[in-house]
Amino acid sequence: MTLSEAERRVVRELAADGASNREIAARLFVSLSTVKFHMVGAMEKVGVRTRTALALWWIRRGQYDDG
């Protein structure tokens, strides 16, 4: 499954320390709605329904430290 660069950035922040959407938005200098958009897109692409499942998907694939 290929995530866009924006989706990868958002998921990386989520997986790093369980950051909230608001925290991710502040860290990446984007709007809250942008984070939500990319989070939902990533969840749909990998076939999960929760943020926790998405973070676990990311970590299990060894992408935790991905650039």
PDB file of N, CA and C in Angstrom:
ATOM      1  N   MET A   1       0.847  -1.177   0.000  1.00  0.00           N
ATOM      2  CA  MET A   1       0.000   0.000   0.000  1.00  0.00           C
ATOM      3  C   MET A   1       0.888   1.233   0.000  1.00  0.00           C
ATOM      4  N   THR A   2       0.626   2.147  -0.899  1.00  0.00           N
ATOM      5  CA  THR A   2       1.445   3.342  -1.016  1.00  0.00           C
ATOM      6  C   THR A   2       0.696   4.561  -0.477  1.00  0.00           C
ATOM      7  N   LEU A   3       1.276   5.168   0.517  1.00  0.00           N
ATOM      8  CA  LEU A   3       0.721   6.396   1.073  1.00  0.00           C
ATOM      9  C   LEU A   3       1.399   7.579   0.399  1.00  0.00           C
ATOM     10  N   SER A   4       0.665   8.677   0.291  1.00  0.00           N
ATOM     11  CA  SER A   4       1.261   9.895  -0.243  1.00  0.00           C
ATOM     12  C   SER A   4       2.270  10.430   0.774  1.00  0.00           C
ATOM     13  N   GLU A   5       3.121  11.332   0.329  1.00  0.00           N
ATOM     14  CA  GLU A   5       4.098  11.932   1.240  1.00  0.00           C
ATOM     15  C   GLU A   5       3.399  12.625   2.409  1.00  0.00           C
ATOM     16  N   ALA A   6       2.315  13.327   2.139  1.00  0.00           N
ATOM     17  CA  ALA A   6       1.580  14.016   3.208  1.00  0.00           C
ATOM     18  C   ALA A   6       0.986  13.015   4.194  1.00  0.00           C
ATOM     19  N   GLU A   7       0.440  11.914   3.690  1.00  0.00           N
ATOM     20  CA  GLU A   7      -0.105  10.879   4.566  1.00  0.00           C
ATOM     21  C   GLU A   7       1.000  10.272   5.419  1.00  0.00           C
ATOM     22  N   ARG A   8       2.157  10.027   4.827  1.00  0.00           N
ATOM     23  CA  ARG A   8       3.288   9.471   5.588  1.00  0.00           C
ATOM     24  C   ARG A   8       3.714  10.410   6.708  1.00  0.00           C
ATOM     25  N   ARG A   9       3.775  11.701   6.422  1.00  0.00           N
ATOM     26  CA  ARG A   9       4.175  12.661   7.466  1.00  0.00           C
ATOM     27  C   ARG A   9       3.197  12.625   8.634  1.00  0.00           C
ATOM     28  N   VAL A  10       1.907  12.601   8.325  1.00  0.00           N
ATOM     29  CA  VAL A  10       0.881  12.600   9.372  1.00  0.00           C
ATOM     30  C   VAL A  10       0.951  11.306  10.182  1.00  0.00           C
ATOM     31  N   VAL A  11       1.038  10.172   9.506  1.00  0.00           N
ATOM     32  CA  VAL A  11       1.077   8.883  10.211  1.00  0.00           C
ATOM     33  C   VAL A  11       2.354   8.754  11.022  1.00  0.00           C
ATOM     34  N   ARG A  12       3.454   9.250  10.503  1.00  0.00           N
ATOM     35  CA  ARG A  12       4.732   9.208  11.240  1.00  0.00           C
ATOM     36  C   ARG A  12       4.597   9.944  12.570  1.00  0.00           C
ATOM     37  N   GLU A  13       3.966  11.105  12.559  1.00  0.00           N
ATOM     38  CA  GLU A  13       3.772  11.868  13.801  1.00  0.00           C
ATOM     39  C   GLU A  13       2.850  11.123  14.757  1.00  0.00           C
ATOM     40  N   LEU A  14       1.815  10.493  14.230  1.00  0.00           N
ATOM     41  CA  LEU A  14       0.904   9.715  15.059  1.00  0.00           C
ATOM     42  C   LEU A  14       1.650   8.552  15.702  1.00  0.00           C
ATOM     43  N   ALA A  15       2.412   7.815  14.914  1.00  0.00           N
ATOM     44  CA  ALA A  15       3.106   6.625  15.404  1.00  0.00           C
ATOM     45  C   ALA A  15       4.234   6.982  16.368  1.00  0.00           C
ATOM     46  N   ALA A  16       4.832   8.144  16.188  1.00  0.00           N
ATOM     47  CA  ALA A  16       5.978   8.525  17.010  1.00  0.00           C
ATOM     48  C   ALA A  16       5.620   8.609  18.491  1.00  0.00           C
ATOM     49  N   ASP A  17       4.485   9.217  18.802  1.00  0.00           N
ATOM     50  CA  ASP A  17       4.133   9.343  20.217  1.00  0.00           C
ATOM     51  C   ASP A  17       2.634   9.500  20.464  1.00  0.00           C
ATOM     52  N   GLY A  18       1.837   9.066  19.506  1.00  0.00           N
ATOM     53  CA  GLY A  18       0.387   9.123  19.694  1.00  0.00           C
ATOM     54  C   GLY A  18      -0.161  10.538  19.694  1.00  0.00           C
ATOM     55  N   ALA A  19       0.467  11.420  18.949  1.00  0.00           N
ATOM     56  CA  ALA A  19       0.054  12.820  18.917  1.00  0.00           C
ATOM     57  C   ALA A  19      -1.394  12.953  18.457  1.00  0.00           C
ATOM     58  N   SER A  20      -2.088  13.921  19.018  1.00  0.00           N
ATOM     59  CA  SER A  20      -3.457  14.214  18.595  1.00  0.00           C
ATOM     60  C   SER A  20      -3.422  14.901  17.229  1.00  0.00           C
ATOM     61  N   ASN A  21      -4.556  14.938  16.566  1.00  0.00           N
ATOM     62  CA  ASN A  21      -4.623  15.628  15.284  1.00  0.00           C
ATOM     63  C   ASN A  21      -4.195  17.091  15.431  1.00  0.00           C
ATOM     64  N   ARG A  22      -4.609  17.716  16.504  1.00  0.00           N
ATOM     65  CA  ARG A  22      -4.253  19.119  16.744  1.00  0.00           C
ATOM     66  C   ARG A  22      -2.735  19.272  16.922  1.00  0.00           C
ATOM     67  N   GLU A  23      -2.119  18.356  17.653  1.00  0.00           N
ATOM     68  CA  GLU A  23      -0.663  18.394  17.846  1.00  0.00           C
ATOM     69  C   GLU A  23       0.066  18.155  16.526  1.00  0.00           C
ATOM     70  N   ILE A  24      -0.427  17.217  15.736  1.00  0.00           N
ATOM     71  CA  ILE A  24       0.182  16.940  14.439  1.00  0.00           C
ATOM     72  C   ILE A  24       0.096  18.171  13.552  1.00  0.00           C
ATOM     73  N   ALA A  25      -1.050  18.823  13.544  1.00  0.00           N
ATOM     74  CA  ALA A  25      -1.228  20.029  12.731  1.00  0.00           C
ATOM     75  C   ALA A  25      -0.224  21.102  13.129  1.00  0.00           C
ATOM     76  N   ALA A  26      -0.042  21.293  14.422  1.00  0.00           N
ATOM     77  CA  ALA A  26       0.908  22.306  14.899  1.00  0.00           C
ATOM     78  C   ALA A  26       2.342  21.947  14.512  1.00  0.00           C
ATOM     79  N   ARG A  27       2.699  20.691  14.651  1.00  0.00           N
ATOM     80  CA  ARG A  27       4.062  20.250  14.328  1.00  0.00           C
ATOM     81  C   ARG A  27       4.378  20.374  12.842  1.00  0.00           C
ATOM     82  N   LEU A  28       3.371  20.087  12.012  1.00  0.00           N
ATOM     83  CA  LEU A  28       3.598  20.096  10.564  1.00  0.00           C
ATOM     84  C   LEU A  28       3.219  21.432   9.916  1.00  0.00           C
ATOM     85  N   PHE A  29       2.727  22.369  10.710  1.00  0.00           N
ATOM     86  CA  PHE A  29       2.343  23.694  10.218  1.00  0.00           C
ATOM     87  C   PHE A  29       1.267  23.600   9.138  1.00  0.00           C
ATOM     88  N   VAL A  30       0.255  22.774   9.418  1.00  0.00           N
ATOM     89  CA  VAL A  30      -0.892  22.634   8.521  1.00  0.00           C
ATOM     90  C   VAL A  30      -2.159  22.776   9.349  1.00  0.00           C
ATOM     91  N   SER A  31      -3.300  22.867   8.677  1.00  0.00           N
ATOM     92  CA  SER A  31      -4.560  23.005   9.401  1.00  0.00           C
ATOM     93  C   SER A  31      -5.010  21.669   9.970  1.00  0.00           C
ATOM     94  N   LEU A  32      -5.884  21.750  10.952  1.00  0.00           N
ATOM     95  CA  LEU A  32      -6.465  20.557  11.548  1.00  0.00           C
ATOM     96  C   LEU A  32      -7.236  19.756  10.498  1.00  0.00           C
ATOM     97  N   SER A  33      -7.961  20.443   9.629  1.00  0.00           N
ATOM     98  CA  SER A  33      -8.719  19.735   8.589  1.00  0.00           C
ATOM     99  C   SER A  33      -7.790  19.025   7.603  1.00  0.00           C
ATOM    100  N   THR A  34      -6.617  19.576   7.354  1.00  0.00           N
ATOM    101  CA  THR A  34      -5.643  18.907   6.482  1.00  0.00           C
ATOM    102  C   THR A  34      -5.164  17.614   7.116  1.00  0.00           C
ATOM    103  N   VAL A  35      -4.887  17.655   8.410  1.00  0.00           N
ATOM    104  CA  VAL A  35      -4.463  16.442   9.120  1.00  0.00           C
ATOM    105  C   VAL A  35      -5.565  15.391   9.049  1.00  0.00           C
ATOM    106  N   LYS A  36      -6.798  15.801   9.329  1.00  0.00           N
ATOM    107  CA  LYS A  36      -7.917  14.860   9.288  1.00  0.00           C
ATOM    108  C   LYS A  36      -8.063  14.253   7.901  1.00  0.00           C
ATOM    109  N   PHE A  37      -7.929  15.059   6.876  1.00  0.00           N
ATOM    110  CA  PHE A  37      -8.044  14.585   5.489  1.00  0.00           C
ATOM    111  C   PHE A  37      -7.004  13.499   5.201  1.00  0.00           C
ATOM    112  N   HIS A  38      -5.771  13.755   5.561  1.00  0.00           N
ATOM    113  CA  HIS A  38      -4.698  12.796   5.298  1.00  0.00           C
ATOM    114  C   HIS A  38      -4.797  11.568   6.196  1.00  0.00           C
ATOM    115  N   MET A  39      -5.257  11.750   7.425  1.00  0.00           N
ATOM    116  CA  MET A  39      -5.437  10.619   8.328  1.00  0.00           C
ATOM    117  C   MET A  39      -6.491   9.662   7.777  1.00  0.00           C
ATOM    118  N   VAL A  40      -7.624  10.207   7.352  1.00  0.00           N
ATOM    119  CA  VAL A  40      -8.698   9.378   6.794  1.00  0.00           C
ATOM    120  C   VAL A  40      -8.227   8.689   5.517  1.00  0.00           C
ATOM    121  N   GLY A  41      -7.520   9.407   4.673  1.00  0.00           N
ATOM    122  CA  GLY A  41      -7.005   8.819   3.441  1.00  0.00           C
ATOM    123  C   GLY A  41      -6.077   7.654   3.718  1.00  0.00           C
ATOM    124  N   ALA A  42      -5.185   7.825   4.687  1.00  0.00           N
ATOM    125  CA  ALA A  42      -4.253   6.755   5.048  1.00  0.00           C
ATOM    126  C   ALA A  42      -5.001   5.560   5.626  1.00  0.00           C
ATOM    127  N   MET A  43      -5.979   5.816   6.477  1.00  0.00           N
ATOM    128  CA  MET A  43      -6.749   4.736   7.082  1.00  0.00           C
ATOM    129  C   MET A  43      -7.504   3.941   6.013  1.00  0.00           C
ATOM    130  N   GLU A  44      -8.072   4.625   5.055  1.00  0.00           N
ATOM    131  CA  GLU A  44      -8.787   3.942   3.970  1.00  0.00           C
ATOM    132  C   GLU A  44      -7.829   3.103   3.130  1.00  0.00           C
ATOM    133  N   LYS A  45      -6.669   3.649   2.809  1.00  0.00           N
ATOM    134  CA  LYS A  45      -5.701   2.934   1.977  1.00  0.00           C
ATOM    135  C   LYS A  45      -5.206   1.650   2.621  1.00  0.00           C
ATOM    136  N   VAL A  46      -4.991   1.673   3.929  1.00  0.00           N
ATOM    137  CA  VAL A  46      -4.449   0.482   4.587  1.00  0.00           C
ATOM    138  C   VAL A  46      -5.536  -0.408   5.181  1.00  0.00           C
ATOM    139  N   GLY A  47      -6.768   0.049   5.138  1.00  0.00           N
ATOM    140  CA  GLY A  47      -7.885  -0.784   5.572  1.00  0.00           C
ATOM    141  C   GLY A  47      -8.057  -0.907   7.066  1.00  0.00           C
ATOM    142  N   VAL A  48      -7.841   0.194   7.773  1.00  0.00           N
ATOM    143  CA  VAL A  48      -8.060   0.199   9.221  1.00  0.00           C
ATOM    144  C   VAL A  48      -9.102   1.257   9.563  1.00  0.00           C
ATOM    145  N   ARG A  49      -9.666   1.126  10.760  1.00  0.00           N
ATOM    146  CA  ARG A  49     -10.744   2.032  11.169  1.00  0.00           C
ATOM    147  C   ARG A  49     -10.371   2.989  12.287  1.00  0.00           C
ATOM    148  N   THR A  50      -9.238   2.752  12.933  1.00  0.00           N
ATOM    149  CA  THR A  50      -8.871   3.593  14.068  1.00  0.00           C
ATOM    150  C   THR A  50      -7.454   4.139  13.916  1.00  0.00           C
ATOM    151  N   ARG A  51      -7.212   5.222  14.635  1.00  0.00           N
ATOM    152  CA  ARG A  51      -5.879   5.823  14.648  1.00  0.00           C
ATOM    153  C   ARG A  51      -4.860   4.861  15.249  1.00  0.00           C
ATOM    154  N   THR A  52      -5.272   4.136  16.272  1.00  0.00           N
ATOM    155  CA  THR A  52      -4.374   3.172  16.906  1.00  0.00           C
ATOM    156  C   THR A  52      -3.962   2.090  15.923  1.00  0.00           C
ATOM    157  N   ALA A  53      -4.934   1.570  15.185  1.00  0.00           N
ATOM    158  CA  ALA A  53      -4.631   0.528  14.196  1.00  0.00           C
ATOM    159  C   ALA A  53      -3.703   1.071  13.119  1.00  0.00           C
ATOM    160  N   LEU A  54      -3.885   2.326  12.737  1.00  0.00           N
ATOM    161  CA  LEU A  54      -3.021   2.937  11.734  1.00  0.00           C
ATOM    162  C   LEU A  54      -1.586   3.062  12.253  1.00  0.00           C
ATOM    163  N   ALA A  55      -1.441   3.514  13.492  1.00  0.00           N
ATOM    164  CA  ALA A  55      -0.107   3.631  14.088  1.00  0.00           C
ATOM    165  C   ALA A  55       0.556   2.259  14.178  1.00  0.00           C
ATOM    166  N   LEU A  56      -0.179   1.239  14.569  1.00  0.00           N
ATOM    167  CA  LEU A  56       0.377  -0.116  14.648  1.00  0.00           C
ATOM    168  C   LEU A  56       0.770  -0.630  13.273  1.00  0.00           C
ATOM    169  N   TRP A  57      -0.033  -0.350  12.274  1.00  0.00           N
ATOM    170  CA  TRP A  57       0.283  -0.743  10.895  1.00  0.00           C
ATOM    171  C   TRP A  57       1.627  -0.138  10.496  1.00  0.00           C
ATOM    172  N   TRP A  58       1.808   1.128  10.793  1.00  0.00           N
ATOM    173  CA  TRP A  58       3.035   1.844  10.448  1.00  0.00           C
ATOM    174  C   TRP A  58       4.252   1.232  11.149  1.00  0.00           C
ATOM    175  N   ILE A  59       4.122   1.028  12.445  1.00  0.00           N
ATOM    176  CA  ILE A  59       5.231   0.505  13.242  1.00  0.00           C
ATOM    177  C   ILE A  59       5.580  -0.923  12.827  1.00  0.00           C
ATOM    178  N   ARG A  60       4.588  -1.742  12.617  1.00  0.00           N
ATOM    179  CA  ARG A  60       4.829  -3.142  12.241  1.00  0.00           C
ATOM    180  C   ARG A  60       5.543  -3.273  10.906  1.00  0.00           C
ATOM    181  N   ARG A  61       5.422  -2.294  10.057  1.00  0.00           N
ATOM    182  CA  ARG A  61       6.096  -2.339   8.773  1.00  0.00           C
ATOM    183  C   ARG A  61       7.489  -1.716   8.823  1.00  0.00           C
ATOM    184  N   GLY A  62       7.942  -1.406  10.028  1.00  0.00           N
ATOM    185  CA  GLY A  62       9.290  -0.884  10.200  1.00  0.00           C
ATOM    186  C   GLY A  62       9.466   0.512   9.655  1.00  0.00           C
ATOM    187  N   GLN A  63       8.375   1.238   9.540  1.00  0.00           N
ATOM    188  CA  GLN A  63       8.456   2.588   8.980  1.00  0.00           C
ATOM    189  C   GLN A  63       8.531   3.649  10.063  1.00  0.00           C
ATOM    190  N   TYR A  64       8.646   3.223  11.302  1.00  0.00           N
ATOM    191  CA  TYR A  64       8.644   4.150  12.422  1.00  0.00           C
ATOM    192  C   TYR A  64       9.671   5.267  12.261  1.00  0.00           C
ATOM    193  N   ASP A  65      10.852   4.926  11.810  1.00  0.00           N
ATOM    194  CA  ASP A  65      11.918   5.920  11.650  1.00  0.00           C
ATOM    195  C   ASP A  65      12.072   6.386  10.218  1.00  0.00           C
ATOM    196  N   ASP A  66      11.071   6.193   9.402  1.00  0.00           N
ATOM    197  CA  ASP A  66      11.112   6.558   7.990  1.00  0.00           C
ATOM    198  C   ASP A  66      11.229   8.056   7.819  1.00  0.00           C
ATOM    199  N   GLY A  67      12.418   8.529   7.480  1.00  0.00           N
ATOM    200  CA  GLY A  67      12.742   9.900   7.157  1.00  0.00           C
ATOM    201  C   GLY A  67      11.927  10.918   7.742  1.00  0.00           C
TER     202      GLY A  67
END
